PDB file of N, CA and C in Angstrom:
ATOM      1  N   GLU A   1      23.024 -17.461 182.279  1.00  0.00           N
ATOM      2  CA  GLU A   1      23.293 -16.739 182.919  1.00  0.00           C
ATOM      3  C   GLU A   1      23.660 -15.948 181.268  1.00  0.00           C
ATOM      4  N   GLY A   2      24.595 -16.942 180.558  1.00  0.00           N
ATOM      5  CA  GLY A   2      24.917 -16.275 179.791  1.00  0.00           C
ATOM      6  C   GLY A   2      24.783 -16.397 178.411  1.00  0.00           C
ATOM      7  N   LYS A   3      24.606 -16.046 177.249  1.00  0.00           N
ATOM      8  CA  LYS A   3      24.691 -16.063 176.220  1.00  0.00           C
ATOM      9  C   LYS A   3      24.876 -17.354 175.541  1.00  0.00           C
ATOM     10  N   THR A   4      23.873 -18.039 175.056  1.00  0.00           N
ATOM     11  CA  THR A   4      24.133 -19.791 174.367  1.00  0.00           C
ATOM     12  C   THR A   4      23.662 -19.214 173.309  1.00  0.00           C
ATOM     13  N   VAL A   5      24.519 -19.979 172.163  1.00  0.00           N
ATOM     14  CA  VAL A   5      23.931 -20.922 170.822  1.00  0.00           C
ATOM     15  C   VAL A   5      24.235 -22.365 171.461  1.00  0.00           C
ATOM     16  N   ILE A   6      23.424 -23.221 170.662  1.00  0.00           N
ATOM     17  CA  ILE A   6      23.693 -24.126 170.607  1.00  0.00           C
ATOM     18  C   ILE A   6      22.728 -24.721 168.716  1.00  0.00           C
ATOM     19  N   MET A   7      23.824 -25.465 168.418  1.00  0.00           N
ATOM     20  CA  MET A   7      23.452 -25.525 166.855  1.00  0.00           C
ATOM     21  C   MET A   7      23.533 -26.899 166.258  1.00  0.00           C
ATOM     22  N   GLY A   8      22.465 -27.328 165.568  1.00  0.00           N
ATOM     23  CA  GLY A   8      23.193 -29.237 165.532  1.00  0.00           C
ATOM     24  C   GLY A   8      21.975 -29.764 164.254  1.00  0.00           C
ATOM     25  N   ASP A   9      22.563 -31.233 163.735  1.00  0.00           N
ATOM     26  CA  ASP A   9      21.045 -31.681 163.563  1.00  0.00           C
ATOM     27  C   ASP A   9      20.537 -32.559 164.235  1.00  0.00           C
ATOM     28  N   PHE A  10      19.263 -31.809 164.822  1.00  0.00           N
ATOM     29  CA  PHE A  10      18.649 -32.536 166.038  1.00  0.00           C
ATOM     30  C   PHE A  10      17.602 -33.744 165.390  1.00  0.00           C
ATOM     31  N   ASN A  11      17.435 -33.596 164.118  1.00  0.00           N
ATOM     32  CA  ASN A  11      16.391 -35.097 163.415  1.00  0.00           C
ATOM     33  C   ASN A  11      14.930 -35.066 164.210  1.00  0.00           C
ATOM     34  N   LEU A  12      14.466 -34.489 164.988  1.00  0.00           N
ATOM     35  CA  LEU A  12      13.132 -34.283 165.980  1.00  0.00           C
ATOM     36  C   LEU A  12      12.331 -34.117 164.627  1.00  0.00           C
ATOM     37  N   HIS A  13      11.055 -33.997 164.082  1.00  0.00           N
ATOM     38  CA  HIS A  13      10.173 -33.456 163.325  1.00  0.00           C
ATOM     39  C   HIS A  13       9.175 -32.487 164.208  1.00  0.00           C
ATOM     40  N   ILE A  14       9.036 -31.080 164.043  1.00  0.00           N
ATOM     41  CA  ILE A  14       8.480 -30.813 165.472  1.00  0.00           C
ATOM     42  C   ILE A  14       7.707 -28.929 164.101  1.00  0.00           C
ATOM     43  N   ASP A  15       6.510 -29.266 164.147  1.00  0.00           N
ATOM     44  CA  ASP A  15       5.737 -28.052 163.581  1.00  0.00           C
ATOM     45  C   ASP A  15       6.611 -26.814 164.438  1.00  0.00           C
ATOM     46  N   TRP A  16       7.565 -26.109 163.858  1.00  0.00           N
ATOM     47  CA  TRP A  16       7.735 -24.802 164.762  1.00  0.00           C
ATOM     48  C   TRP A  16       6.671 -23.581 164.731  1.00  0.00           C
ATOM     49  N   VAL A  17       6.039 -23.585 163.279  1.00  0.00           N
ATOM     50  CA  VAL A  17       5.264 -22.271 163.565  1.00  0.00           C
ATOM     51  C   VAL A  17       3.684 -22.580 164.372  1.00  0.00           C
ATOM     52  N   ASN A  18       3.256 -23.761 165.186  1.00  0.00           N
ATOM     53  CA  ASN A  18       2.401 -24.290 165.947  1.00  0.00           C
ATOM     54  C   ASN A  18       2.539 -24.745 166.662  1.00  0.00           C
ATOM     55  N   GLN A  19       3.950 -24.868 166.878  1.00  0.00           N
ATOM     56  CA  GLN A  19       4.946 -25.701 168.029  1.00  0.00           C
ATOM     57  C   GLN A  19       4.260 -26.928 168.713  1.00  0.00           C
ATOM     58  N   ILE A  20       4.007 -27.792 167.944  1.00  0.00           N
ATOM     59  CA  ILE A  20       3.579 -29.436 168.101  1.00  0.00           C
ATOM     60  C   ILE A  20       4.504 -30.216 167.539  1.00  0.00           C
ATOM     61  N   SER A  21       4.257 -30.870 168.357  1.00  0.00           N
ATOM     62  CA  SER A  21       5.047 -32.665 168.079  1.00  0.00           C
ATOM     63  C   SER A  21       4.644 -33.280 167.829  1.00  0.00           C
ATOM     64  N   ARG A  22       5.377 -34.227 166.785  1.00  0.00           N
ATOM     65  CA  ARG A  22       4.764 -35.788 166.466  1.00  0.00           C
ATOM     66  C   ARG A  22       4.705 -36.630 168.031  1.00  0.00           C
ATOM     67  N   GLY A  23       5.720 -36.306 168.463  1.00  0.00           N
ATOM     68  CA  GLY A  23       6.081 -37.760 169.542  1.00  0.00           C
ATOM     69  C   GLY A  23       6.586 -37.861 170.984  1.00  0.00           C
ATOM     70  N   ALA A  24       6.969 -38.356 171.695  1.00  0.00           N
ATOM     71  CA  ALA A  24       7.417 -37.907 172.982  1.00  0.00           C
ATOM     72  C   ALA A  24       8.481 -37.706 173.486  1.00  0.00           C
ATOM     73  N   GLU A  25       9.439 -37.703 172.386  1.00  0.00           N
ATOM     74  CA  GLU A  25      11.056 -37.500 171.805  1.00  0.00           C
ATOM     75  C   GLU A  25      10.806 -35.557 171.869  1.00  0.00           C
ATOM     76  N   GLU A  26      10.054 -35.381 171.041  1.00  0.00           N
ATOM     77  CA  GLU A  26       9.875 -34.063 170.345  1.00  0.00           C
ATOM     78  C   GLU A  26       9.523 -33.354 171.357  1.00  0.00           C
ATOM     79  N   GLU A  27       8.230 -33.654 172.360  1.00  0.00           N
ATOM     80  CA  GLU A  27       7.490 -33.276 173.013  1.00  0.00           C
ATOM     81  C   GLU A  27       8.700 -32.289 173.819  1.00  0.00           C
ATOM     82  N   ASP A  28       9.577 -33.598 174.302  1.00  0.00           N
ATOM     83  CA  ASP A  28      10.227 -33.708 175.394  1.00  0.00           C
ATOM     84  C   ASP A  28      11.504 -32.715 175.863  1.00  0.00           C
ATOM     85  N   SER A  29      12.313 -32.503 173.886  1.00  0.00           N
ATOM     86  CA  SER A  29      12.526 -31.420 173.259  1.00  0.00           C
ATOM     87  C   SER A  29      12.426 -30.100 173.370  1.00  0.00           C
ATOM     88  N   LEU A  30      10.800 -30.081 173.294  1.00  0.00           N
ATOM     89  CA  LEU A  30      10.119 -28.737 173.270  1.00  0.00           C
ATOM     90  C   LEU A  30      10.322 -28.196 174.574  1.00  0.00           C
ATOM     91  N   GLU A  31       9.791 -28.812 175.706  1.00  0.00           N
ATOM     92  CA  GLU A  31       9.578 -29.162 176.612  1.00  0.00           C
ATOM     93  C   GLU A  31      11.283 -27.994 177.750  1.00  0.00           C
ATOM     94  N   CYS A  32      12.002 -29.036 177.313  1.00  0.00           N
ATOM     95  CA  CYS A  32      13.272 -28.176 177.586  1.00  0.00           C
ATOM     96  C   CYS A  32      13.906 -26.838 177.219  1.00  0.00           C
ATOM     97  N   MET A  33      13.561 -26.955 175.646  1.00  0.00           N
ATOM     98  CA  MET A  33      13.745 -25.486 175.196  1.00  0.00           C
ATOM     99  C   MET A  33      13.132 -24.471 175.422  1.00  0.00           C
ATOM    100  N   ARG A  34      11.711 -24.563 175.912  1.00  0.00           N
ATOM    101  CA  ARG A  34      10.703 -23.661 176.386  1.00  0.00           C
ATOM    102  C   ARG A  34      11.401 -23.016 178.289  1.00  0.00           C
ATOM    103  N   ASP A  35      11.374 -24.195 179.137  1.00  0.00           N
ATOM    104  CA  ASP A  35      12.584 -24.144 180.166  1.00  0.00           C
ATOM    105  C   ASP A  35      13.433 -23.541 180.138  1.00  0.00           C
ATOM    106  N   SER A  36      14.499 -23.711 179.002  1.00  0.00           N
ATOM    107  CA  SER A  36      15.678 -23.272 179.319  1.00  0.00           C
ATOM    108  C   SER A  36      15.791 -21.390 178.430  1.00  0.00           C
ATOM    109  N   PHE A  37      14.440 -21.103 178.373  1.00  0.00           N
ATOM    110  CA  PHE A  37      14.137 -20.138 177.189  1.00  0.00           C
ATOM    111  C   PHE A  37      14.575 -20.104 176.186  1.00  0.00           C
ATOM    112  N   LEU A  38      15.472 -21.291 175.027  1.00  0.00           N
ATOM    113  CA  LEU A  38      15.717 -20.906 174.253  1.00  0.00           C
ATOM    114  C   LEU A  38      14.683 -20.652 173.141  1.00  0.00           C
ATOM    115  N   ASN A  39      14.894 -20.582 171.415  1.00  0.00           N
ATOM    116  CA  ASN A  39      14.148 -20.106 170.694  1.00  0.00           C
ATOM    117  C   ASN A  39      15.050 -20.388 169.581  1.00  0.00           C
ATOM    118  N   GLN A  40      14.105 -21.411 168.719  1.00  0.00           N
ATOM    119  CA  GLN A  40      14.655 -21.680 167.518  1.00  0.00           C
ATOM    120  C   GLN A  40      14.407 -20.769 166.417  1.00  0.00           C
ATOM    121  N   ASN A  41      15.547 -20.718 165.829  1.00  0.00           N
ATOM    122  CA  ASN A  41      16.139 -19.607 164.661  1.00  0.00           C
ATOM    123  C   ASN A  41      15.442 -20.033 162.984  1.00  0.00           C
ATOM    124  N   VAL A  42      15.767 -21.020 162.611  1.00  0.00           N
ATOM    125  CA  VAL A  42      15.810 -21.870 161.101  1.00  0.00           C
ATOM    126  C   VAL A  42      14.370 -21.565 161.156  1.00  0.00           C
ATOM    127  N   GLU A  43      14.002 -20.973 160.026  1.00  0.00           N
ATOM    128  CA  GLU A  43      12.138 -21.145 159.715  1.00  0.00           C
ATOM    129  C   GLU A  43      12.144 -21.623 158.285  1.00  0.00           C
ATOM    130  N   GLU A  44      13.301 -21.993 157.326  1.00  0.00           N
ATOM    131  CA  GLU A  44      12.842 -22.760 156.143  1.00  0.00           C
ATOM    132  C   GLU A  44      13.666 -24.469 156.453  1.00  0.00           C
ATOM    133  N   PRO A  45      12.950 -25.320 155.514  1.00  0.00           N
ATOM    134  CA  PRO A  45      13.596 -26.974 155.862  1.00  0.00           C
ATOM    135  C   PRO A  45      14.919 -26.747 155.199  1.00  0.00           C
ATOM    136  N   THR A  46      15.326 -27.679 156.213  1.00  0.00           N
ATOM    137  CA  THR A  46      16.758 -28.255 156.006  1.00  0.00           C
ATOM    138  C   THR A  46      17.304 -29.591 155.262  1.00  0.00           C
ATOM    139  N   ARG A  47      16.115 -30.479 155.145  1.00  0.00           N
ATOM    140  CA  ARG A  47      16.149 -31.511 154.977  1.00  0.00           C
ATOM    141  C   ARG A  47      14.619 -31.805 154.091  1.00  0.00           C
ATOM    142  N   GLU A  48      15.019 -32.042 153.273  1.00  0.00           N
ATOM    143  CA  GLU A  48      13.358 -32.233 152.126  1.00  0.00           C
ATOM    144  C   GLU A  48      12.465 -30.689 152.694  1.00  0.00           C
ATOM    145  N   ARG A  49      11.191 -31.106 153.588  1.00  0.00           N
ATOM    146  CA  ARG A  49      10.305 -30.335 153.611  1.00  0.00           C
ATOM    147  C   ARG A  49      10.265 -30.109 155.036  1.00  0.00           C
ATOM    148  N   ALA A  50      11.439 -30.795 156.072  1.00  0.00           N
ATOM    149  CA  ALA A  50      11.473 -30.591 157.472  1.00  0.00           C
ATOM    150  C   ALA A  50      12.448 -29.751 158.166  1.00  0.00           C
ATOM    151  N   ILE A  51      12.579 -28.713 159.057  1.00  0.00           N
ATOM    152  CA  ILE A  51      13.349 -28.479 159.660  1.00  0.00           C
ATOM    153  C   ILE A  51      13.958 -29.467 160.584  1.00  0.00           C
ATOM    154  N   LEU A  52      15.327 -29.726 160.340  1.00  0.00           N
ATOM    155  CA  LEU A  52      15.656 -30.646 161.236  1.00  0.00           C
ATOM    156  C   LEU A  52      16.979 -30.531 161.961  1.00  0.00           C
ATOM    157  N   ASP A  53      17.645 -28.986 161.236  1.00  0.00           N
ATOM    158  CA  ASP A  53      18.878 -28.824 162.026  1.00  0.00           C
ATOM    159  C   ASP A  53      18.322 -27.216 162.319  1.00  0.00           C
ATOM    160  N   TRP A  54      18.753 -27.095 163.569  1.00  0.00           N
ATOM    161  CA  TRP A  54      18.152 -25.943 164.509  1.00  0.00           C
ATOM    162  C   TRP A  54      19.462 -25.153 165.388  1.00  0.00           C
ATOM    163  N   VAL A  55      18.798 -23.744 165.149  1.00  0.00           N
ATOM    164  CA  VAL A  55      19.704 -22.941 165.663  1.00  0.00           C
ATOM    165  C   VAL A  55      19.266 -22.061 167.260  1.00  0.00           C
ATOM    166  N   LEU A  56      19.321 -22.468 168.441  1.00  0.00           N
ATOM    167  CA  LEU A  56      19.235 -22.325 169.332  1.00  0.00           C
ATOM    168  C   LEU A  56      19.767 -21.381 170.097  1.00  0.00           C
ATOM    169  N   ILE A  57      18.923 -20.149 170.403  1.00  0.00           N
ATOM    170  CA  ILE A  57      20.058 -19.179 170.444  1.00  0.00           C
ATOM    171  C   ILE A  57      18.593 -18.718 171.897  1.00  0.00           C
ATOM    172  N   ASN A  58      19.218 -18.249 173.516  1.00  0.00           N
ATOM    173  CA  ASN A  58      18.798 -17.501 174.656  1.00  0.00           C
ATOM    174  C   ASN A  58      18.536 -16.331 174.846  1.00  0.00           C
ATOM    175  N   GLU A  59      18.917 -15.147 173.596  1.00  0.00           N
ATOM    176  CA  GLU A  59      19.345 -13.991 173.758  1.00  0.00           C
ATOM    177  C   GLU A  59      18.988 -13.450 171.998  1.00  0.00           C
ATOM    178  N   GLU A  60      17.944 -12.351 172.253  1.00  0.00           N
ATOM    179  CA  GLU A  60      17.389 -11.592 170.888  1.00  0.00           C
ATOM    180  C   GLU A  60      18.549 -11.319 170.646  1.00  0.00           C
ATOM    181  N   GLY A  61      18.464 -11.179 169.101  1.00  0.00           N
ATOM    182  CA  GLY A  61      19.810 -10.678 168.135  1.00  0.00           C
ATOM    183  C   GLY A  61      20.674 -11.326 168.152  1.00  0.00           C
ATOM    184  N   LEU A  62      21.322 -12.573 169.084  1.00  0.00           N
ATOM    185  CA  LEU A  62      22.181 -13.208 169.148  1.00  0.00           C
ATOM    186  C   LEU A  62      22.876 -13.487 167.813  1.00  0.00           C
ATOM    187  N   VAL A  63      22.276 -14.032 167.044  1.00  0.00           N
ATOM    188  CA  VAL A  63      22.443 -14.309 165.352  1.00  0.00           C
ATOM    189  C   VAL A  63      21.476 -13.674 164.560  1.00  0.00           C
ATOM    190  N   SER A  64      22.178 -13.455 163.389  1.00  0.00           N
ATOM    191  CA  SER A  64      21.441 -12.429 162.316  1.00  0.00           C
ATOM    192  C   SER A  64      21.836 -13.246 160.701  1.00  0.00           C
ATOM    193  N   ARG A  65      21.568 -12.460 160.286  1.00  0.00           N
ATOM    194  CA  ARG A  65      21.289 -13.172 158.679  1.00  0.00           C
ATOM    195  C   ARG A  65      21.795 -14.783 158.262  1.00  0.00           C
ATOM    196  N   LEU A  66      20.622 -14.636 159.347  1.00  0.00           N
ATOM    197  CA  LEU A  66      20.688 -16.572 158.818  1.00  0.00           C
ATOM    198  C   LEU A  66      19.979 -16.861 157.536  1.00  0.00           C
ATOM    199  N   VAL A  67      20.775 -17.918 156.900  1.00  0.00           N
ATOM    200  CA  VAL A  67      20.282 -18.160 155.365  1.00  0.00           C
ATOM    201  C   VAL A  67      20.486 -19.529 155.723  1.00  0.00           C
ATOM    202  N   VAL A  68      19.362 -20.342 154.949  1.00  0.00           N
ATOM    203  CA  VAL A  68      19.443 -21.636 154.225  1.00  0.00           C
ATOM    204  C   VAL A  68      19.688 -21.801 153.350  1.00  0.00           C
ATOM    205  N   ARG A  69      21.207 -22.795 152.883  1.00  0.00           N
ATOM    206  CA  ARG A  69      21.719 -22.663 151.760  1.00  0.00           C
ATOM    207  C   ARG A  69      21.798 -24.145 151.038  1.00  0.00           C
ATOM    208  N   GLY A  70      22.215 -24.190 150.080  1.00  0.00           N
ATOM    209  CA  GLY A  70      21.878 -25.848 149.322  1.00  0.00           C
ATOM    210  C   GLY A  70      23.080 -26.934 150.041  1.00  0.00           C
ATOM    211  N   PRO A  71      23.218 -27.573 149.781  1.00  0.00           N
ATOM    212  CA  PRO A  71      23.221 -29.198 150.887  1.00  0.00           C
ATOM    213  C   PRO A  71      25.166 -29.336 150.595  1.00  0.00           C
ATOM    214  N   LEU A  72      26.013 -29.657 151.485  1.00  0.00           N
ATOM    215  CA  LEU A  72      27.282 -29.881 150.624  1.00  0.00           C
ATOM    216  C   LEU A  72      27.966 -30.576 150.436  1.00  0.00           C
ATOM    217  N   GLY A  73      28.100 -30.599 149.514  1.00  0.00           N
ATOM    218  CA  GLY A  73      28.931 -32.025 148.828  1.00  0.00           C
ATOM    219  C   GLY A  73      27.619 -33.453 148.645  1.00  0.00           C
ATOM    220  N   LYS A  74      27.768 -34.372 149.156  1.00  0.00           N
ATOM    221  CA  LYS A  74      26.248 -35.322 148.886  1.00  0.00           C
ATOM    222  C   LYS A  74      25.585 -35.236 150.249  1.00  0.00           C
ATOM    223  N   SER A  75      25.277 -34.304 151.080  1.00  0.00           N
ATOM    224  CA  SER A  75      24.854 -34.547 152.310  1.00  0.00           C
ATOM    225  C   SER A  75      23.717 -34.125 151.511  1.00  0.00           C
ATOM    226  N   ASP A  76      22.355 -35.351 152.778  1.00  0.00           N
ATOM    227  CA  ASP A  76      20.808 -34.741 152.254  1.00  0.00           C
ATOM    228  C   ASP A  76      20.555 -33.543 153.143  1.00  0.00           C
ATOM    229  N   HIS A  77      20.836 -32.865 153.631  1.00  0.00           N
ATOM    230  CA  HIS A  77      20.834 -31.416 155.144  1.00  0.00           C
ATOM    231  C   HIS A  77      21.563 -30.212 154.012  1.00  0.00           C
ATOM    232  N   ASN A  78      20.783 -29.317 153.824  1.00  0.00           N
ATOM    233  CA  ASN A  78      20.703 -28.288 153.551  1.00  0.00           C
ATOM    234  C   ASN A  78      21.808 -27.357 154.694  1.00  0.00           C
ATOM    235  N   MET A  79      23.059 -26.309 153.908  1.00  0.00           N
ATOM    236  CA  MET A  79      23.711 -25.909 155.255  1.00  0.00           C
ATOM    237  C   MET A  79      23.296 -24.759 155.799  1.00  0.00           C
ATOM    238  N   ILE A  80      23.245 -23.864 156.617  1.00  0.00           N
ATOM    239  CA  ILE A  80      23.287 -23.098 157.213  1.00  0.00           C
ATOM    240  C   ILE A  80      24.236 -22.094 158.298  1.00  0.00           C
ATOM    241  N   GLU A  81      23.816 -21.303 157.304  1.00  0.00           N
ATOM    242  CA  GLU A  81      24.749 -19.918 157.158  1.00  0.00           C
ATOM    243  C   GLU A  81      23.970 -18.583 158.395  1.00  0.00           C
ATOM    244  N   PHE A  82      25.250 -18.501 159.618  1.00  0.00           N
ATOM    245  CA  PHE A  82      25.020 -16.722 160.565  1.00  0.00           C
ATOM    246  C   PHE A  82      25.757 -16.448 160.764  1.00  0.00           C
ATOM    247  N   PHE A  83      25.279 -15.397 161.473  1.00  0.00           N
ATOM    248  CA  PHE A  83      26.466 -14.621 161.903  1.00  0.00           C
ATOM    249  C   PHE A  83      26.238 -14.949 164.109  1.00  0.00           C
ATOM    250  N   ILE A  84      27.140 -14.761 164.565  1.00  0.00           N
ATOM    251  CA  ILE A  84      26.942 -14.947 165.764  1.00  0.00           C
ATOM    252  C   ILE A  84      27.659 -13.666 166.341  1.00  0.00           C
ATOM    253  N   ARG A  85      26.879 -12.561 166.798  1.00  0.00           N
ATOM    254  CA  ARG A  85      27.275 -11.532 167.793  1.00  0.00           C
ATOM    255  C   ARG A  85      27.762 -11.552 169.264  1.00  0.00           C
ATOM    256  N   MET A  86      29.137 -11.385 168.908  1.00  0.00           N
ATOM    257  CA  MET A  86      30.138 -11.197 169.900  1.00  0.00           C
ATOM    258  C   MET A  86      30.652 -10.181 170.438  1.00  0.00           C
ATOM    259  N   GLU A  87      30.866  -9.873 171.957  1.00  0.00           N
ATOM    260  CA  GLU A  87      31.014  -8.505 172.575  1.00  0.00           C
ATOM    261  C   GLU A  87      31.873  -8.973 173.226  1.00  0.00           C
ATOM    262  N   ASN A  88      33.165  -7.988 172.975  1.00  0.00           N
ATOM    263  CA  ASN A  88      34.538  -8.459 174.070  1.00  0.00           C
ATOM    264  C   ASN A  88      34.655  -7.333 175.418  1.00  0.00           C
ATOM    265  N   ASP A  89      34.375  -7.428 176.067  1.00  0.00           N
ATOM    266  CA  ASP A  89      35.040  -6.490 177.248  1.00  0.00           C
ATOM    267  C   ASP A  89      36.333  -6.504 177.321  1.00  0.00           C
ATOM    268  N   ILE A  90      36.931  -5.060 177.010  1.00  0.00           N
ATOM    269  CA  ILE A  90      38.547  -4.953 177.310  1.00  0.00           C
ATOM    270  C   ILE A  90      38.445  -4.338 178.730  1.00  0.00           C
ATOM    271  N   VAL A  91      39.448  -4.700 179.379  1.00  0.00           N
ATOM    272  CA  VAL A  91      39.722  -3.803 180.827  1.00  0.00           C
ATOM    273  C   VAL A  91      41.227  -3.639 180.190  1.00  0.00           C
ATOM    274  N   ASN A  92      41.747  -2.392 180.621  1.00  0.00           N
ATOM    275  CA  ASN A  92      42.708  -1.823 180.587  1.00  0.00           C
ATOM    276  C   ASN A  92      42.980  -1.789 182.152  1.00  0.00           C
ATOM    277  N   SER A  93      44.311  -2.545 181.702  1.00  0.00           N
ATOM    278  CA  SER A  93      45.420  -3.188 183.470  1.00  0.00           C
ATOM    279  C   SER A  93      46.327  -1.862 183.709  1.00  0.00           C
ATOM    280  N   GLU A  94      46.337  -1.764 185.005  1.00  0.00           N
ATOM    281  CA  GLU A  94      47.161  -0.273 185.695  1.00  0.00           C
ATOM    282  C   GLU A  94      48.009  -1.497 186.057  1.00  0.00           C
ATOM    283  N   THR A  95      48.320  -2.435 185.931  1.00  0.00           N
ATOM    284  CA  THR A  95      49.094  -3.315 187.072  1.00  0.00           C
ATOM    285  C   THR A  95      51.077  -2.822 185.891  1.00  0.00           C
ATOM    286  N   ARG A  96      51.662  -2.748 187.180  1.00  0.00           N
ATOM    287  CA  ARG A  96      53.003  -2.160 186.851  1.00  0.00           C
ATOM    288  C   ARG A  96      54.108  -3.426 186.701  1.00  0.00           C
ATOM    289  N   VAL A  97      54.671  -4.229 186.107  1.00  0.00           N
ATOM    290  CA  VAL A  97      55.256  -5.512 185.620  1.00  0.00           C
ATOM    291  C   VAL A  97      56.653  -4.933 185.622  1.00  0.00           C
ATOM    292  N   LEU A  98      57.327  -5.485 186.531  1.00  0.00           N
ATOM    293  CA  LEU A  98      59.169  -4.621 186.574  1.00  0.00           C
ATOM    294  C   LEU A  98      59.677  -6.265 185.912  1.00  0.00           C
ATOM    295  N   ASN A  99      60.869  -4.952 184.629  1.00  0.00           N
ATOM    296  CA  ASN A  99      61.503  -6.209 184.680  1.00  0.00           C
ATOM    297  C   ASN A  99      62.965  -6.253 184.976  1.00  0.00           C
ATOM    298  N   TYR A 100      62.987  -7.640 185.781  1.00  0.00           N
ATOM    299  CA  TYR A 100      64.211  -7.777 186.313  1.00  0.00           C
ATOM    300  C   TYR A 100      65.405  -8.136 185.493  1.00  0.00           C
ATOM    301  N   LYS A 101      65.167  -8.735 183.870  1.00  0.00           N
ATOM    302  CA  LYS A 101      66.525  -8.942 183.013  1.00  0.00           C
ATOM    303  C   LYS A 101      67.717  -7.513 182.609  1.00  0.00           C
ATOM    304  N   LYS A 102      67.018  -6.662 183.374  1.00  0.00           N
ATOM    305  CA  LYS A 102      67.615  -5.198 183.461  1.00  0.00           C
ATOM    306  C   LYS A 102      68.128  -4.397 184.201  1.00  0.00           C
ATOM    307  N   SER A 103      67.841  -5.280 185.150  1.00  0.00           N
ATOM    308  CA  SER A 103      68.413  -3.991 186.718  1.00  0.00           C
ATOM    309  C   SER A 103      69.884  -4.729 186.421  1.00  0.00           C
ATOM    310  N   ASN A 104      70.305  -3.653 187.569  1.00  0.00           N
ATOM    311  CA  ASN A 104      71.955  -3.776 187.525  1.00  0.00           C
ATOM    312  C   ASN A 104      71.897  -4.010 188.320  1.00  0.00           C
ATOM    313  N   PHE A 105      72.436  -5.573 189.612  1.00  0.00           N
ATOM    314  CA  PHE A 105      72.587  -5.290 191.188  1.00  0.00           C
ATOM    315  C   PHE A 105      73.954  -5.421 191.476  1.00  0.00           C
TER     316      PHE A 105
END
């Protein structure tokens, strides 16, 4: 029902262009993503020539300006930088609170 962002190193080899997997674990992951209406947003390799690090969202436009950067320190995975769109619903309360410390009994 709500907005969802799931990100991390999944270490699963999937051909994202053709939505094809190499094995049962990858196929189960693809099926779970489809069933959960999640879309993968990383389009560039994050380790060598593979996209192993994912940013999954359930609503178009929830993340923006996603960029794959170089590795951090000695990591063999590239960093992923992106913005998450967040909205705050500000509710004005008309509740009146009395300050009894200022009362004169």
